[in-house]
Amino acid sequence: MEKLPAVNVLGGVLEPCSMSPRTGFFRDGACNTCWEDQGSHTVCVVMTKEFLVWSSYVGNDLTTPRPEFGFTGLQPGDRWCLCAGRFLEAHDEGCAPQVVLDATHERALRVVSLEVLRDYALR
């Protein structure tokens, strides 16, 4: 799998999202992506309790550790490369977490507009 160029939604160099927990489609700490990344794990977010509860409710439990996959579970405050479609769904439901624009891959713009991402930008 060949990574797409590491460019963020602002046109700059893609910054790391999180090494602890290690995130990203490639588990390299950044929201790097490739065409095989069907979920487009490209939006760097800061987890909130509200989002984690909602995510579990819609069938994606991100808090339970899964040691067999090297996943320790997420907590509020953790940064994570979220699927662009899931972010948009959370936005539509009113519970989207904040976004780290410098660490969000430009491929996210195929699903979520820059205007919406800016509305949730970490300040």
C-alpha atoms as a PDB file:
ATOM      1  CA  MET A   1       0.000   0.000   0.000  1.00  0.00           C
ATOM      2  CA  GLU A   2       1.452   3.286  -1.083  1.00  0.00           C
ATOM      3  CA  LYS A   3       0.790   6.307   1.126  1.00  0.00           C
ATOM      4  CA  LEU A   4      -0.720   9.381  -0.462  1.00  0.00           C
ATOM      5  CA  PRO A   5       1.328  12.584  -0.065  1.00  0.00           C
ATOM      6  CA  ALA A   6       1.265  13.788   3.560  1.00  0.00           C
ATOM      7  CA  VAL A   7      -0.580  17.084   3.030  1.00  0.00           C
ATOM      8  CA  ASN A   8      -3.034  18.543   5.514  1.00  0.00           C
ATOM      9  CA  VAL A   9      -6.360  20.265   4.803  1.00  0.00           C
ATOM     10  CA  LEU A  10      -4.642  23.673   4.953  1.00  0.00           C
ATOM     11  CA  GLY A  11      -2.167  22.689   2.225  1.00  0.00           C
ATOM     12  CA  GLY A  12       0.801  22.279   4.579  1.00  0.00           C
ATOM     13  CA  VAL A  13       2.807  19.327   5.831  1.00  0.00           C
ATOM     14  CA  LEU A  14       0.660  16.777   7.670  1.00  0.00           C
ATOM     15  CA  GLU A  15       1.521  16.998  11.371  1.00  0.00           C
ATOM     16  CA  PRO A  16       1.415  13.981  13.726  1.00  0.00           C
ATOM     17  CA  CYS A  17      -1.905  13.274  15.436  1.00  0.00           C
ATOM     18  CA  SER A  18      -0.981  10.899  18.285  1.00  0.00           C
ATOM     19  CA  MET A  19       1.723   8.421  19.198  1.00  0.00           C
ATOM     20  CA  SER A  20       0.020   7.520  22.490  1.00  0.00           C
ATOM     21  CA  PRO A  21      -2.329   6.017  21.645  1.00  0.00           C
ATOM     22  CA  ARG A  22      -0.716   5.259  18.287  1.00  0.00           C
ATOM     23  CA  THR A  23      -3.231   6.210  15.646  1.00  0.00           C
ATOM     24  CA  GLY A  24      -3.735   6.273  11.897  1.00  0.00           C
ATOM     25  CA  PHE A  25      -4.538   3.731   9.221  1.00  0.00           C
ATOM     26  CA  PHE A  26      -0.825   2.825   9.180  1.00  0.00           C
ATOM     27  CA  ARG A  27      -0.514   3.176  13.003  1.00  0.00           C
ATOM     28  CA  ASP A  28       2.320   5.624  12.371  1.00  0.00           C
ATOM     29  CA  GLY A  29       0.880   8.354  14.603  1.00  0.00           C
ATOM     30  CA  ALA A  30      -0.390  10.456  11.691  1.00  0.00           C
ATOM     31  CA  CYS A  31      -3.586  10.481   9.636  1.00  0.00           C
ATOM     32  CA  ASN A  32      -1.713   9.232   6.578  1.00  0.00           C
ATOM     33  CA  THR A  33      -3.851   7.373   4.090  1.00  0.00           C
ATOM     34  CA  CYS A  34      -3.805   5.399   0.860  1.00  0.00           C
ATOM     35  CA  TRP A  35      -6.423   4.353  -1.670  1.00  0.00           C
ATOM     36  CA  GLU A  36      -6.867   1.040   0.169  1.00  0.00           C
ATOM     37  CA  ASP A  37      -8.009   2.972   3.285  1.00  0.00           C
ATOM     38  CA  GLN A  38     -11.709   2.559   2.538  1.00  0.00           C
ATOM     39  CA  GLY A  39     -12.750   4.288   5.784  1.00  0.00           C
ATOM     40  CA  SER A  40     -10.556   7.328   5.088  1.00  0.00           C
ATOM     41  CA  HIS A  41      -9.040   7.532   8.599  1.00  0.00           C
ATOM     42  CA  THR A  42      -8.031  11.123   7.919  1.00  0.00           C
ATOM     43  CA  VAL A  43      -9.595  13.490  10.499  1.00  0.00           C
ATOM     44  CA  CYS A  44      -7.435  14.105  13.579  1.00  0.00           C
ATOM     45  CA  VAL A  45      -9.826  14.685  16.475  1.00  0.00           C
ATOM     46  CA  VAL A  46      -9.648  15.172  20.226  1.00  0.00           C
ATOM     47  CA  MET A  47     -11.969  12.655  21.857  1.00  0.00           C
ATOM     48  CA  THR A  48     -14.796  13.831  24.098  1.00  0.00           C
ATOM     49  CA  LYS A  49     -16.963  11.793  26.436  1.00  0.00           C
ATOM     50  CA  GLU A  50     -20.023  12.797  24.410  1.00  0.00           C
ATOM     51  CA  PHE A  51     -18.518  11.556  21.151  1.00  0.00           C
ATOM     52  CA  LEU A  52     -17.260   8.291  22.686  1.00  0.00           C
ATOM     53  CA  VAL A  53     -20.705   7.523  24.131  1.00  0.00           C
ATOM     54  CA  TRP A  54     -22.371   8.324  20.796  1.00  0.00           C
ATOM     55  CA  SER A  55     -19.822   6.261  18.848  1.00  0.00           C
ATOM     56  CA  SER A  56     -20.485   3.261  21.062  1.00  0.00           C
ATOM     57  CA  TYR A  57     -24.238   3.773  20.661  1.00  0.00           C
ATOM     58  CA  VAL A  58     -23.922   3.637  16.850  1.00  0.00           C
ATOM     59  CA  GLY A  59     -21.845   0.458  17.017  1.00  0.00           C
ATOM     60  CA  ASN A  60     -18.208   1.561  17.202  1.00  0.00           C
ATOM     61  CA  ASP A  61     -16.973   1.119  20.771  1.00  0.00           C
ATOM     62  CA  LEU A  62     -13.700   3.020  20.973  1.00  0.00           C
ATOM     63  CA  THR A  63     -13.268   2.810  24.748  1.00  0.00           C
ATOM     64  CA  THR A  64     -12.880  -0.938  25.277  1.00  0.00           C
ATOM     65  CA  PRO A  65      -9.261  -2.133  25.039  1.00  0.00           C
ATOM     66  CA  ARG A  66      -8.564  -4.686  22.295  1.00  0.00           C
ATOM     67  CA  PRO A  67      -5.102  -6.029  23.199  1.00  0.00           C
ATOM     68  CA  GLU A  68      -5.164  -8.477  20.288  1.00  0.00           C
ATOM     69  CA  PHE A  69      -4.988  -5.421  17.999  1.00  0.00           C
ATOM     70  CA  GLY A  70      -2.667  -3.395  20.234  1.00  0.00           C
ATOM     71  CA  PHE A  71      -5.548  -1.041  21.051  1.00  0.00           C
ATOM     72  CA  THR A  72      -5.698   0.294  24.609  1.00  0.00           C
ATOM     73  CA  GLY A  73      -9.070   2.024  24.273  1.00  0.00           C
ATOM     74  CA  LEU A  74      -9.674   5.750  24.033  1.00  0.00           C
ATOM     75  CA  GLN A  75     -10.505   8.297  26.699  1.00  0.00           C
ATOM     76  CA  PRO A  76     -11.616  11.924  26.549  1.00  0.00           C
ATOM     77  CA  GLY A  77      -8.647  14.070  25.562  1.00  0.00           C
ATOM     78  CA  ASP A  78      -6.991  11.396  23.402  1.00  0.00           C
ATOM     79  CA  ARG A  79      -6.251  12.338  19.811  1.00  0.00           C
ATOM     80  CA  TRP A  80      -7.300   9.859  17.132  1.00  0.00           C
ATOM     81  CA  CYS A  81      -7.510   9.617  13.337  1.00  0.00           C
ATOM     82  CA  LEU A  82     -11.233   9.295  12.795  1.00  0.00           C
ATOM     83  CA  CYS A  83     -12.922   8.154   9.594  1.00  0.00           C
ATOM     84  CA  ALA A  84     -14.097  11.175   7.631  1.00  0.00           C
ATOM     85  CA  GLY A  85     -17.586   9.707   7.157  1.00  0.00           C
ATOM     86  CA  ARG A  86     -17.944   9.010  10.878  1.00  0.00           C
ATOM     87  CA  PHE A  87     -16.884  12.588  11.649  1.00  0.00           C
ATOM     88  CA  LEU A  88     -19.513  13.929   9.245  1.00  0.00           C
ATOM     89  CA  GLU A  89     -22.136  11.656  10.799  1.00  0.00           C
ATOM     90  CA  ALA A  90     -21.208  12.944  14.286  1.00  0.00           C
ATOM     91  CA  HIS A  91     -21.409  16.505  12.970  1.00  0.00           C
ATOM     92  CA  ASP A  92     -24.905  15.819  11.625  1.00  0.00           C
ATOM     93  CA  GLU A  93     -25.880  14.395  15.039  1.00  0.00           C
ATOM     94  CA  GLY A  94     -24.424  17.383  16.912  1.00  0.00           C
ATOM     95  CA  CYS A  95     -21.678  15.545  18.774  1.00  0.00           C
ATOM     96  CA  ALA A  96     -18.548  15.872  16.638  1.00  0.00           C
ATOM     97  CA  PRO A  97     -15.268  16.318  18.526  1.00  0.00           C
ATOM     98  CA  GLN A  98     -12.744  19.089  17.934  1.00  0.00           C
ATOM     99  CA  VAL A  99     -10.427  18.784  14.924  1.00  0.00           C
ATOM    100  CA  VAL A 100      -6.673  19.350  14.676  1.00  0.00           C
ATOM    101  CA  LEU A 101      -6.499  20.893  11.201  1.00  0.00           C
ATOM    102  CA  ASP A 102      -2.706  20.649  10.793  1.00  0.00           C
ATOM    103  CA  ALA A 103      -2.941  16.899  11.476  1.00  0.00           C
ATOM    104  CA  THR A 104      -6.018  16.238   9.279  1.00  0.00           C
ATOM    105  CA  HIS A 105      -5.187  14.764   5.871  1.00  0.00           C
ATOM    106  CA  GLU A 106      -6.414  16.609   2.776  1.00  0.00           C
ATOM    107  CA  ARG A 107      -8.233  13.449   1.627  1.00  0.00           C
ATOM    108  CA  ALA A 108     -10.842  14.208   4.324  1.00  0.00           C
ATOM    109  CA  LEU A 109     -12.024  17.046   2.065  1.00  0.00           C
ATOM    110  CA  ARG A 110     -13.547  14.453  -0.278  1.00  0.00           C
ATOM    111  CA  VAL A 111     -16.119  13.819   2.491  1.00  0.00           C
ATOM    112  CA  VAL A 112     -16.155  16.858   4.797  1.00  0.00           C
ATOM    113  CA  SER A 113     -15.904  20.476   3.697  1.00  0.00           C
ATOM    114  CA  LEU A 114     -13.109  22.669   5.029  1.00  0.00           C
ATOM    115  CA  GLU A 115     -15.789  25.013   6.356  1.00  0.00           C
ATOM    116  CA  VAL A 116     -17.248  22.265   8.564  1.00  0.00           C
ATOM    117  CA  LEU A 117     -13.785  21.156   9.708  1.00  0.00           C
ATOM    118  CA  ARG A 118     -12.921  24.768  10.603  1.00  0.00           C
ATOM    119  CA  ASP A 119     -16.105  24.981  12.716  1.00  0.00           C
ATOM    120  CA  TYR A 120     -14.623  22.263  14.961  1.00  0.00           C
ATOM    121  CA  ALA A 121     -11.001  23.444  14.838  1.00  0.00           C
ATOM    122  CA  LEU A 122      -9.109  23.091  18.095  1.00  0.00           C
ATOM    123  CA  ARG A 123      -8.458  26.574  19.403  1.00  0.00           C
END
